[in-house]
PDB file of N, CA and C in Angstrom:
ATOM      1  N   MET A   1     101.804  94.886 105.587  1.00  0.00           N
ATOM      2  CA  MET A   1     102.851  94.125 106.242  1.00  0.00           C
ATOM      3  C   MET A   1     102.773  94.361 107.754  1.00  0.00           C
ATOM      4  N   GLY A   2     103.167  93.373 108.502  1.00  0.00           N
ATOM      5  CA  GLY A   2     103.221  93.514 109.945  1.00  0.00           C
ATOM      6  C   GLY A   2     101.871  93.775 110.581  1.00  0.00           C
ATOM      7  N   GLU A   3     101.817  94.732 111.494  1.00  0.00           N
ATOM      8  CA  GLU A   3     100.594  95.020 112.238  1.00  0.00           C
ATOM      9  C   GLU A   3      99.457  95.507 111.351  1.00  0.00           C
ATOM     10  N   HIS A   4      99.773  96.046 110.181  1.00  0.00           N
ATOM     11  CA  HIS A   4      98.750  96.577 109.287  1.00  0.00           C
ATOM     12  C   HIS A   4      98.081  95.473 108.462  1.00  0.00           C
ATOM     13  N   ASN A   5      98.632  94.298 108.471  1.00  0.00           N
ATOM     14  CA  ASN A   5      98.048  93.172 107.749  1.00  0.00           C
ATOM     15  C   ASN A   5      96.828  92.671 108.507  1.00  0.00           C
ATOM     16  N   PRO A   6      95.677  92.482 107.842  1.00  0.00           N
ATOM     17  CA  PRO A   6      94.487  92.028 108.558  1.00  0.00           C
ATOM     18  C   PRO A   6      94.652  90.641 109.185  1.00  0.00           C
ATOM     19  N   ASN A   7      95.599  89.863 108.711  1.00  0.00           N
ATOM     20  CA  ASN A   7      95.829  88.529 109.269  1.00  0.00           C
ATOM     21  C   ASN A   7      96.972  88.499 110.273  1.00  0.00           C
ATOM     22  N   PHE A   8      97.433  89.675 110.702  1.00  0.00           N
ATOM     23  CA  PHE A   8      98.557  89.738 111.636  1.00  0.00           C
ATOM     24  C   PHE A   8      98.189  89.017 112.927  1.00  0.00           C
ATOM     25  N   GLY A   9      99.050  88.136 113.372  1.00  0.00           N
ATOM     26  CA  GLY A   9      98.806  87.383 114.593  1.00  0.00           C
ATOM     27  C   GLY A   9      97.937  86.158 114.381  1.00  0.00           C
ATOM     28  N   GLY A  10      97.668  85.801 113.137  1.00  0.00           N
ATOM     29  CA  GLY A  10      96.847  84.637 112.839  1.00  0.00           C
ATOM     30  C   GLY A  10      95.407  85.018 112.551  1.00  0.00           C
ATOM     31  N   ILE A  11      94.643  84.055 112.065  1.00  0.00           N
ATOM     32  CA  ILE A  11      93.243  84.315 111.772  1.00  0.00           C
ATOM     33  C   ILE A  11      92.372  83.478 112.699  1.00  0.00           C
ATOM     34  N   SER A  12      91.182  83.978 112.958  1.00  0.00           N
ATOM     35  CA  SER A  12      90.297  83.307 113.909  1.00  0.00           C
ATOM     36  C   SER A  12      89.718  82.034 113.296  1.00  0.00           C
ATOM     37  N   GLU A  13      89.185  81.189 114.157  1.00  0.00           N
ATOM     38  CA  GLU A  13      88.587  79.935 113.715  1.00  0.00           C
ATOM     39  C   GLU A  13      87.375  80.198 112.821  1.00  0.00           C
ATOM     40  N   SER A  14      86.581  81.211 113.162  1.00  0.00           N
ATOM     41  CA  SER A  14      85.407  81.526 112.334  1.00  0.00           C
ATOM     42  C   SER A  14      85.823  82.011 110.949  1.00  0.00           C
ATOM     43  N   HIS A  15      86.920  82.776 110.883  1.00  0.00           N
ATOM     44  CA  HIS A  15      87.432  83.242 109.593  1.00  0.00           C
ATOM     45  C   HIS A  15      87.898  82.049 108.757  1.00  0.00           C
ATOM     46  N   ARG A  16      88.558  81.088 109.378  1.00  0.00           N
ATOM     47  CA  ARG A  16      88.998  79.879 108.670  1.00  0.00           C
ATOM     48  C   ARG A  16      87.808  79.129 108.079  1.00  0.00           C
ATOM     49  N   LYS A  17      86.725  79.023 108.858  1.00  0.00           N
ATOM     50  CA  LYS A  17      85.525  78.325 108.370  1.00  0.00           C
ATOM     51  C   LYS A  17      84.912  79.067 107.188  1.00  0.00           C
ATOM     52  N   ASN A  18      84.877  80.409 107.255  1.00  0.00           N
ATOM     53  CA  ASN A  18      84.340  81.199 106.153  1.00  0.00           C
ATOM     54  C   ASN A  18      85.164  80.998 104.887  1.00  0.00           C
ATOM     55  N   ILE A  19      86.468  80.999 105.016  1.00  0.00           N
ATOM     56  CA  ILE A  19      87.346  80.770 103.865  1.00  0.00           C
ATOM     57  C   ILE A  19      87.067  79.399 103.274  1.00  0.00           C
ATOM     58  N   SER A  20      86.956  78.399 104.123  1.00  0.00           N
ATOM     59  CA  SER A  20      86.698  77.034 103.674  1.00  0.00           C
ATOM     60  C   SER A  20      85.366  76.945 102.934  1.00  0.00           C
ATOM     61  N   LEU A  21      84.330  77.570 103.483  1.00  0.00           N
ATOM     62  CA  LEU A  21      83.013  77.544 102.840  1.00  0.00           C
ATOM     63  C   LEU A  21      83.028  78.246 101.486  1.00  0.00           C
ATOM     64  N   ASN A  22      83.727  79.365 101.404  1.00  0.00           N
ATOM     65  CA  ASN A  22      83.799  80.096 100.141  1.00  0.00           C
ATOM     66  C   ASN A  22      84.511  79.295  99.063  1.00  0.00           C
ATOM     67  N   HIS A  23      85.491  78.505  99.437  1.00  0.00           N
ATOM     68  CA  HIS A  23      86.207  77.698  98.450  1.00  0.00           C
ATOM     69  C   HIS A  23      85.369  76.508  98.003  1.00  0.00           C
ATOM     70  N   LYS A  24      84.550  75.987  98.885  1.00  0.00           N
ATOM     71  CA  LYS A  24      83.738  74.822  98.546  1.00  0.00           C
ATOM     72  C   LYS A  24      82.606  75.177  97.589  1.00  0.00           C
ATOM     73  N   VAL A  25      82.172  76.413  97.574  1.00  0.00           N
ATOM     74  CA  VAL A  25      81.071  76.842  96.715  1.00  0.00           C
ATOM     75  C   VAL A  25      81.428  76.661  95.241  1.00  0.00           C
ATOM     76  N   MET A  26      82.685  76.786  94.894  1.00  0.00           N
ATOM     77  CA  MET A  26      83.099  76.758  93.498  1.00  0.00           C
ATOM     78  C   MET A  26      83.387  75.355  92.974  1.00  0.00           C
ATOM     79  N   ILE A  27      83.065  74.321  93.721  1.00  0.00           N
ATOM     80  CA  ILE A  27      83.381  72.960  93.311  1.00  0.00           C
ATOM     81  C   ILE A  27      82.239  72.370  92.495  1.00  0.00           C
ATOM     82  N   GLY A  28      82.568  71.663  91.417  1.00  0.00           N
ATOM     83  CA  GLY A  28      81.575  70.939  90.621  1.00  0.00           C
ATOM     84  C   GLY A  28      80.537  71.826  89.980  1.00  0.00           C
ATOM     85  N   LYS A  29      79.277  71.452  90.097  1.00  0.00           N
ATOM     86  CA  LYS A  29      78.186  72.154  89.423  1.00  0.00           C
ATOM     87  C   LYS A  29      78.001  73.582  89.921  1.00  0.00           C
ATOM     88  N   GLU A  30      78.532  73.886  91.085  1.00  0.00           N
ATOM     89  CA  GLU A  30      78.419  75.241  91.635  1.00  0.00           C
ATOM     90  C   GLU A  30      79.367  76.215  90.931  1.00  0.00           C
ATOM     91  N   ASN A  31      80.372  75.699  90.231  1.00  0.00           N
ATOM     92  CA  ASN A  31      81.335  76.549  89.543  1.00  0.00           C
ATOM     93  C   ASN A  31      80.685  77.159  88.305  1.00  0.00           C
ATOM     94  N   PRO A  32      80.815  78.476  88.104  1.00  0.00           N
ATOM     95  CA  PRO A  32      80.184  79.118  86.949  1.00  0.00           C
ATOM     96  C   PRO A  32      80.673  78.572  85.598  1.00  0.00           C
ATOM     97  N   MET A  33      81.867  77.985  85.544  1.00  0.00           N
ATOM     98  CA  MET A  33      82.386  77.453  84.283  1.00  0.00           C
ATOM     99  C   MET A  33      82.087  75.958  84.119  1.00  0.00           C
ATOM    100  N   TYR A  34      81.340  75.363  85.046  1.00  0.00           N
ATOM    101  CA  TYR A  34      81.057  73.931  84.980  1.00  0.00           C
ATOM    102  C   TYR A  34      80.318  73.586  83.689  1.00  0.00           C
ATOM    103  N   GLY A  35      80.856  72.637  82.940  1.00  0.00           N
ATOM    104  CA  GLY A  35      80.227  72.176  81.704  1.00  0.00           C
ATOM    105  C   GLY A  35      80.431  73.103  80.520  1.00  0.00           C
ATOM    106  N   LYS A  36      81.158  74.180  80.683  1.00  0.00           N
ATOM    107  CA  LYS A  36      81.391  75.133  79.593  1.00  0.00           C
ATOM    108  C   LYS A  36      82.823  74.999  79.119  1.00  0.00           C
ATOM    109  N   LYS A  37      83.078  75.441  77.916  1.00  0.00           N
ATOM    110  CA  LYS A  37      84.438  75.469  77.384  1.00  0.00           C
ATOM    111  C   LYS A  37      84.686  76.839  76.777  1.00  0.00           C
ATOM    112  N   HIS A  38      85.950  77.262  76.824  1.00  0.00           N
ATOM    113  CA  HIS A  38      86.322  78.516  76.182  1.00  0.00           C
ATOM    114  C   HIS A  38      86.279  78.327  74.678  1.00  0.00           C
ATOM    115  N   SER A  39      85.819  79.351  73.972  1.00  0.00           N
ATOM    116  CA  SER A  39      85.816  79.285  72.513  1.00  0.00           C
ATOM    117  C   SER A  39      87.245  79.391  72.008  1.00  0.00           C
ATOM    118  N   SER A  40      87.461  78.974  70.771  1.00  0.00           N
ATOM    119  CA  SER A  40      88.805  79.053  70.213  1.00  0.00           C
ATOM    120  C   SER A  40      89.254  80.511  70.130  1.00  0.00           C
ATOM    121  N   GLU A  41      88.309  81.437  69.913  1.00  0.00           N
ATOM    122  CA  GLU A  41      88.664  82.853  69.867  1.00  0.00           C
ATOM    123  C   GLU A  41      89.145  83.341  71.234  1.00  0.00           C
ATOM    124  N   SER A  42      88.441  82.964  72.305  1.00  0.00           N
ATOM    125  CA  SER A  42      88.852  83.415  73.633  1.00  0.00           C
ATOM    126  C   SER A  42      90.177  82.773  74.036  1.00  0.00           C
ATOM    127  N   LYS A  43      90.416  81.518  73.625  1.00  0.00           N
ATOM    128  CA  LYS A  43      91.708  80.871  73.901  1.00  0.00           C
ATOM    129  C   LYS A  43      92.832  81.634  73.211  1.00  0.00           C
ATOM    130  N   TYR A  44      92.590  82.021  71.956  1.00  0.00           N
ATOM    131  CA  TYR A  44      93.594  82.752  71.194  1.00  0.00           C
ATOM    132  C   TYR A  44      93.875  84.109  71.839  1.00  0.00           C
ATOM    133  N   LEU A  45      92.819  84.834  72.221  1.00  0.00           N
ATOM    134  CA  LEU A  45      92.999  86.142  72.844  1.00  0.00           C
ATOM    135  C   LEU A  45      93.739  86.026  74.177  1.00  0.00           C
ATOM    136  N   ASN A  46      93.443  84.984  74.930  1.00  0.00           N
ATOM    137  CA  ASN A  46      94.137  84.761  76.194  1.00  0.00           C
ATOM    138  C   ASN A  46      95.615  84.478  75.955  1.00  0.00           C
ATOM    139  N   LYS A  47      95.899  83.684  74.945  1.00  0.00           N
ATOM    140  CA  LYS A  47      97.280  83.354  74.601  1.00  0.00           C
ATOM    141  C   LYS A  47      98.050  84.615  74.206  1.00  0.00           C
ATOM    142  N   ILE A  48      97.451  85.433  73.352  1.00  0.00           N
ATOM    143  CA  ILE A  48      98.095  86.657  72.876  1.00  0.00           C
ATOM    144  C   ILE A  48      98.355  87.619  74.036  1.00  0.00           C
ATOM    145  N   SER A  49      97.419  87.716  74.960  1.00  0.00           N
ATOM    146  CA  SER A  49      97.567  88.673  76.050  1.00  0.00           C
ATOM    147  C   SER A  49      98.699  88.305  76.998  1.00  0.00           C
ATOM    148  N   HIS A  50      99.129  87.039  77.011  1.00  0.00           N
ATOM    149  CA  HIS A  50     100.171  86.619  77.932  1.00  0.00           C
ATOM    150  C   HIS A  50     101.553  86.506  77.287  1.00  0.00           C
ATOM    151  N   LEU A  51     101.684  86.884  76.029  1.00  0.00           N
ATOM    152  CA  LEU A  51     102.985  86.825  75.370  1.00  0.00           C
ATOM    153  C   LEU A  51     103.894  87.939  75.871  1.00  0.00           C
ATOM    154  N   LYS A  52     105.193  87.663  75.918  1.00  0.00           N
ATOM    155  CA  LYS A  52     106.150  88.669  76.384  1.00  0.00           C
ATOM    156  C   LYS A  52     106.193  89.875  75.454  1.00  0.00           C
ATOM    157  N   GLU A  53     105.846  89.674  74.179  1.00  0.00           N
ATOM    158  CA  GLU A  53     105.874  90.791  73.237  1.00  0.00           C
ATOM    159  C   GLU A  53     104.878  91.886  73.632  1.00  0.00           C
ATOM    160  N   ASN A  54     103.868  91.527  74.417  1.00  0.00           N
ATOM    161  CA  ASN A  54     102.876  92.504  74.826  1.00  0.00           C
ATOM    162  C   ASN A  54     103.293  93.302  76.060  1.00  0.00           C
ATOM    163  N   LEU A  55     104.438  92.936  76.652  1.00  0.00           N
ATOM    164  CA  LEU A  55     104.922  93.681  77.815  1.00  0.00           C
ATOM    165  C   LEU A  55     105.642  94.947  77.358  1.00  0.00           C
ATOM    166  N   PRO A  56     105.611  95.993  78.174  1.00  0.00           N
ATOM    167  CA  PRO A  56     106.371  97.200  77.832  1.00  0.00           C
ATOM    168  C   PRO A  56     107.866  96.886  77.781  1.00  0.00           C
ATOM    169  N   GLU A  57     108.579  97.618  76.943  1.00  0.00           N
ATOM    170  CA  GLU A  57     110.020  97.396  76.765  1.00  0.00           C
ATOM    171  C   GLU A  57     110.770  97.494  78.094  1.00  0.00           C
ATOM    172  N   GLN A  58     110.399  98.441  78.925  1.00  0.00           N
ATOM    173  CA  GLN A  58     111.080  98.620  80.207  1.00  0.00           C
ATOM    174  C   GLN A  58     110.933  97.373  81.077  1.00  0.00           C
ATOM    175  N   ARG A  59     109.737  96.776  81.108  1.00  0.00           N
ATOM    176  CA  ARG A  59     109.495  95.572  81.913  1.00  0.00           C
ATOM    177  C   ARG A  59     110.287  94.389  81.376  1.00  0.00           C
ATOM    178  N   ARG A  60     110.384  94.268  80.043  1.00  0.00           N
ATOM    179  CA  ARG A  60     111.162  93.168  79.456  1.00  0.00           C
ATOM    180  C   ARG A  60     112.643  93.306  79.807  1.00  0.00           C
ATOM    181  N   LYS A  61     113.161  94.530  79.787  1.00  0.00           N
ATOM    182  CA  LYS A  61     114.563  94.752  80.167  1.00  0.00           C
ATOM    183  C   LYS A  61     114.779  94.424  81.640  1.00  0.00           C
ATOM    184  N   GLN A  62     113.809  94.815  82.468  1.00  0.00           N
ATOM    185  CA  GLN A  62     113.900  94.535  83.896  1.00  0.00           C
ATOM    186  C   GLN A  62     113.936  93.028  84.146  1.00  0.00           C
ATOM    187  N   MET A  63     113.095  92.272  83.448  1.00  0.00           N
ATOM    188  CA  MET A  63     113.074  90.819  83.595  1.00  0.00           C
ATOM    189  C   MET A  63     114.387  90.201  83.126  1.00  0.00           C
ATOM    190  N   SER A  64     114.915  90.712  82.018  1.00  0.00           N
ATOM    191  CA  SER A  64     116.162  90.205  81.479  1.00  0.00           C
ATOM    192  C   SER A  64     117.319  90.440  82.446  1.00  0.00           C
ATOM    193  N   ASN A  65     117.413  91.651  82.975  1.00  0.00           N
ATOM    194  CA  ASN A  65     118.479  91.977  83.928  1.00  0.00           C
ATOM    195  C   ASN A  65     118.361  91.143  85.196  1.00  0.00           C
ATOM    196  N   SER A  66     117.148  90.915  85.635  1.00  0.00           N
ATOM    197  CA  SER A  66     116.923  90.113  86.830  1.00  0.00           C
ATOM    198  C   SER A  66     117.421  88.685  86.616  1.00  0.00           C
ATOM    199  N   ALA A  67     117.139  88.119  85.446  1.00  0.00           N
ATOM    200  CA  ALA A  67     117.575  86.752  85.145  1.00  0.00           C
ATOM    201  C   ALA A  67     119.101  86.674  85.032  1.00  0.00           C
ATOM    202  N   LYS A  68     119.705  87.702  84.450  1.00  0.00           N
ATOM    203  CA  LYS A  68     121.162  87.706  84.270  1.00  0.00           C
ATOM    204  C   LYS A  68     121.899  87.837  85.600  1.00  0.00           C
ATOM    205  N   ASN A  69     121.279  88.491  86.581  1.00  0.00           N
ATOM    206  CA  ASN A  69     121.948  88.762  87.852  1.00  0.00           C
ATOM    207  C   ASN A  69     121.703  87.709  88.919  1.00  0.00           C
ATOM    208  N   LYS A  70     120.975  86.648  88.593  1.00  0.00           N
ATOM    209  CA  LYS A  70     120.751  85.597  89.583  1.00  0.00           C
ATOM    210  C   LYS A  70     122.031  84.816  89.821  1.00  0.00           C
ATOM    211  N   PRO A  71     122.308  84.457  91.076  1.00  0.00           N
ATOM    212  CA  PRO A  71     123.510  83.671  91.349  1.00  0.00           C
ATOM    213  C   PRO A  71     123.408  82.291  90.701  1.00  0.00           C
ATOM    214  N   ARG A  72     124.545  81.773  90.262  1.00  0.00           N
ATOM    215  CA  ARG A  72     124.570  80.481  89.593  1.00  0.00           C
ATOM    216  C   ARG A  72     125.474  79.513  90.360  1.00  0.00           C
ATOM    217  N   ILE A  73     125.137  78.230  90.276  1.00  0.00           N
ATOM    218  CA  ILE A  73     125.880  77.176  90.961  1.00  0.00           C
ATOM    219  C   ILE A  73     126.284  76.144  89.919  1.00  0.00           C
ATOM    220  N   ILE A  74     127.491  75.605  90.057  1.00  0.00           N
ATOM    221  CA  ILE A  74     127.949  74.559  89.142  1.00  0.00           C
ATOM    222  C   ILE A  74     127.688  73.205  89.787  1.00  0.00           C
ATOM    223  N   CYS A  75     126.991  72.348  89.049  1.00  0.00           N
ATOM    224  CA  CYS A  75     126.696  71.002  89.536  1.00  0.00           C
ATOM    225  C   CYS A  75     127.990  70.184  89.515  1.00  0.00           C
ATOM    226  N   LYS A  76     128.300  69.536  90.623  1.00  0.00           N
ATOM    227  CA  LYS A  76     129.558  68.785  90.691  1.00  0.00           C
ATOM    228  C   LYS A  76     129.505  67.487  89.885  1.00  0.00           C
ATOM    229  N   TYR A  77     128.311  67.058  89.473  1.00  0.00           N
ATOM    230  CA  TYR A  77     128.193  65.814  88.722  1.00  0.00           C
ATOM    231  C   TYR A  77     128.212  66.029  87.210  1.00  0.00           C
ATOM    232  N   CYS A  78     127.556  67.085  86.726  1.00  0.00           N
ATOM    233  CA  CYS A  78     127.514  67.297  85.274  1.00  0.00           C
ATOM    234  C   CYS A  78     128.319  68.530  84.844  1.00  0.00           C
ATOM    235  N   GLN A  79     128.851  69.267  85.790  1.00  0.00           N
ATOM    236  CA  GLN A  79     129.706  70.427  85.540  1.00  0.00           C
ATOM    237  C   GLN A  79     129.008  71.552  84.773  1.00  0.00           C
ATOM    238  N   GLU A  80     127.697  71.641  84.861  1.00  0.00           N
ATOM    239  CA  GLU A  80     126.970  72.725  84.202  1.00  0.00           C
ATOM    240  C   GLU A  80     126.529  73.750  85.239  1.00  0.00           C
ATOM    241  N   SER A  81     126.320  74.980  84.769  1.00  0.00           N
ATOM    242  CA  SER A  81     125.954  76.089  85.644  1.00  0.00           C
ATOM    243  C   SER A  81     124.442  76.300  85.619  1.00  0.00           C
ATOM    244  N   PHE A  82     123.827  76.462  86.805  1.00  0.00           N
ATOM    245  CA  PHE A  82     122.381  76.640  86.921  1.00  0.00           C
ATOM    246  C   PHE A  82     122.064  77.681  87.968  1.00  0.00           C
ATOM    247  N   THR A  83     120.850  78.260  87.873  1.00  0.00           N
ATOM    248  CA  THR A  83     120.384  79.135  88.944  1.00  0.00           C
ATOM    249  C   THR A  83     120.149  78.256  90.173  1.00  0.00           C
ATOM    250  N   THR A  84     120.081  78.879  91.322  1.00  0.00           N
ATOM    251  CA  THR A  84     119.946  78.100  92.556  1.00  0.00           C
ATOM    252  C   THR A  84     118.680  77.253  92.565  1.00  0.00           C
ATOM    253  N   SER A  85     117.578  77.802  92.039  1.00  0.00           N
ATOM    254  CA  SER A  85     116.331  77.028  92.053  1.00  0.00           C
ATOM    255  C   SER A  85     116.415  75.810  91.139  1.00  0.00           C
ATOM    256  N   MET A  86     117.004  75.952  89.951  1.00  0.00           N
ATOM    257  CA  MET A  86     117.145  74.813  89.036  1.00  0.00           C
ATOM    258  C   MET A  86     118.122  73.785  89.601  1.00  0.00           C
ATOM    259  N   HIS A  87     119.189  74.271  90.227  1.00  0.00           N
ATOM    260  CA  HIS A  87     120.170  73.355  90.808  1.00  0.00           C
ATOM    261  C   HIS A  87     119.536  72.552  91.929  1.00  0.00           C
ATOM    262  N   THR A  88     118.764  73.223  92.776  1.00  0.00           N
ATOM    263  CA  THR A  88     118.116  72.542  93.890  1.00  0.00           C
ATOM    264  C   THR A  88     117.117  71.505  93.397  1.00  0.00           C
ATOM    265  N   ARG A  89     116.393  71.848  92.352  1.00  0.00           N
ATOM    266  CA  ARG A  89     115.333  70.947  91.878  1.00  0.00           C
ATOM    267  C   ARG A  89     115.868  69.753  91.093  1.00  0.00           C
ATOM    268  N   TRP A  90     116.843  69.964  90.202  1.00  0.00           N
ATOM    269  CA  TRP A  90     117.243  68.909  89.270  1.00  0.00           C
ATOM    270  C   TRP A  90     118.684  68.437  89.401  1.00  0.00           C
ATOM    271  N   HIS A  91     119.515  69.140  90.129  1.00  0.00           N
ATOM    272  CA  HIS A  91     120.937  68.783  90.155  1.00  0.00           C
ATOM    273  C   HIS A  91     121.416  68.575  91.583  1.00  0.00           C
ATOM    274  N   GLY A  92     122.723  68.631  91.783  1.00  0.00           N
ATOM    275  CA  GLY A  92     123.259  68.306  93.102  1.00  0.00           C
ATOM    276  C   GLY A  92     123.081  66.813  93.337  1.00  0.00           C
ATOM    277  N   GLU A  93     122.510  66.440  94.467  1.00  0.00           N
ATOM    278  CA  GLU A  93     122.315  65.022  94.799  1.00  0.00           C
ATOM    279  C   GLU A  93     121.260  64.354  93.917  1.00  0.00           C
ATOM    280  N   LYS A  94     120.439  65.137  93.222  1.00  0.00           N
ATOM    281  CA  LYS A  94     119.386  64.579  92.355  1.00  0.00           C
ATOM    282  C   LYS A  94     119.822  64.471  90.892  1.00  0.00           C
ATOM    283  N   CYS A  95     121.033  64.861  90.571  1.00  0.00           N
ATOM    284  CA  CYS A  95     121.506  64.901  89.182  1.00  0.00           C
ATOM    285  C   CYS A  95     121.520  63.496  88.576  1.00  0.00           C
ATOM    286  N   LYS A  96     121.001  63.377  87.339  1.00  0.00           N
ATOM    287  CA  LYS A  96     120.969  62.052  86.707  1.00  0.00           C
ATOM    288  C   LYS A  96     122.362  61.601  86.267  1.00  0.00           C
ATOM    289  N   ASN A  97     123.333  62.505  86.258  1.00  0.00           N
ATOM    290  CA  ASN A  97     124.706  62.133  85.930  1.00  0.00           C
ATOM    291  C   ASN A  97     125.477  61.648  87.163  1.00  0.00           C
ATOM    292  N   LYS A  98     124.817  61.613  88.312  1.00  0.00           N
ATOM    293  CA  LYS A  98     125.462  61.169  89.544  1.00  0.00           C
ATOM    294  C   LYS A  98     125.902  59.713  89.436  1.00  0.00           C
ATOM    295  N   ILE A  99     125.156  58.924  88.679  1.00  0.00           N
ATOM    296  CA  ILE A  99     125.472  57.501  88.494  1.00  0.00           C
ATOM    297  C   ILE A  99     126.840  57.325  87.840  1.00  0.00           C
ATOM    298  N   ASN A 100     127.150  58.193  86.874  1.00  0.00           N
ATOM    299  CA  ASN A 100     128.397  58.088  86.130  1.00  0.00           C
ATOM    300  C   ASN A 100     129.562  58.837  86.777  1.00  0.00           C
ATOM    301  N   TYR A 101     129.307  59.453  87.917  1.00  0.00           N
ATOM    302  CA  TYR A 101     130.301  60.294  88.560  1.00  0.00           C
ATOM    303  C   TYR A 101     131.426  59.455  89.157  1.00  0.00           C
ATOM    304  N   VAL A 102     132.669  59.832  88.816  1.00  0.00           N
ATOM    305  CA  VAL A 102     133.847  59.175  89.373  1.00  0.00           C
ATOM    306  C   VAL A 102     134.646  60.241  90.091  1.00  0.00           C
ATOM    307  N   ARG A 103     134.987  59.986  91.362  1.00  0.00           N
ATOM    308  CA  ARG A 103     135.740  60.984  92.130  1.00  0.00           C
ATOM    309  C   ARG A 103     137.166  61.033  91.733  1.00  0.00           C
TER     310      ARG A 103
END
């Protein structure tokens, strides 16, 4: 963070070009996965590894407490309670019940 970050104060033009070149290498036929597909076994193993049941109990409790403690906002059009991110994305002035709203 701050002065200890290698990108502190911005990055040079040459560094930007290097980043751009490195990203372009992986496009199309240059990508190591080009033309290949994951086997059904590897898809299954990937799915299993990302399930919440595989997380330690302490981490699951931490996630649960974090979700419970998020501030909530009531949409004035549908009268439902949402986290701030859900309210911003789908409710408020964007709420589909705004059409039926009577003051």
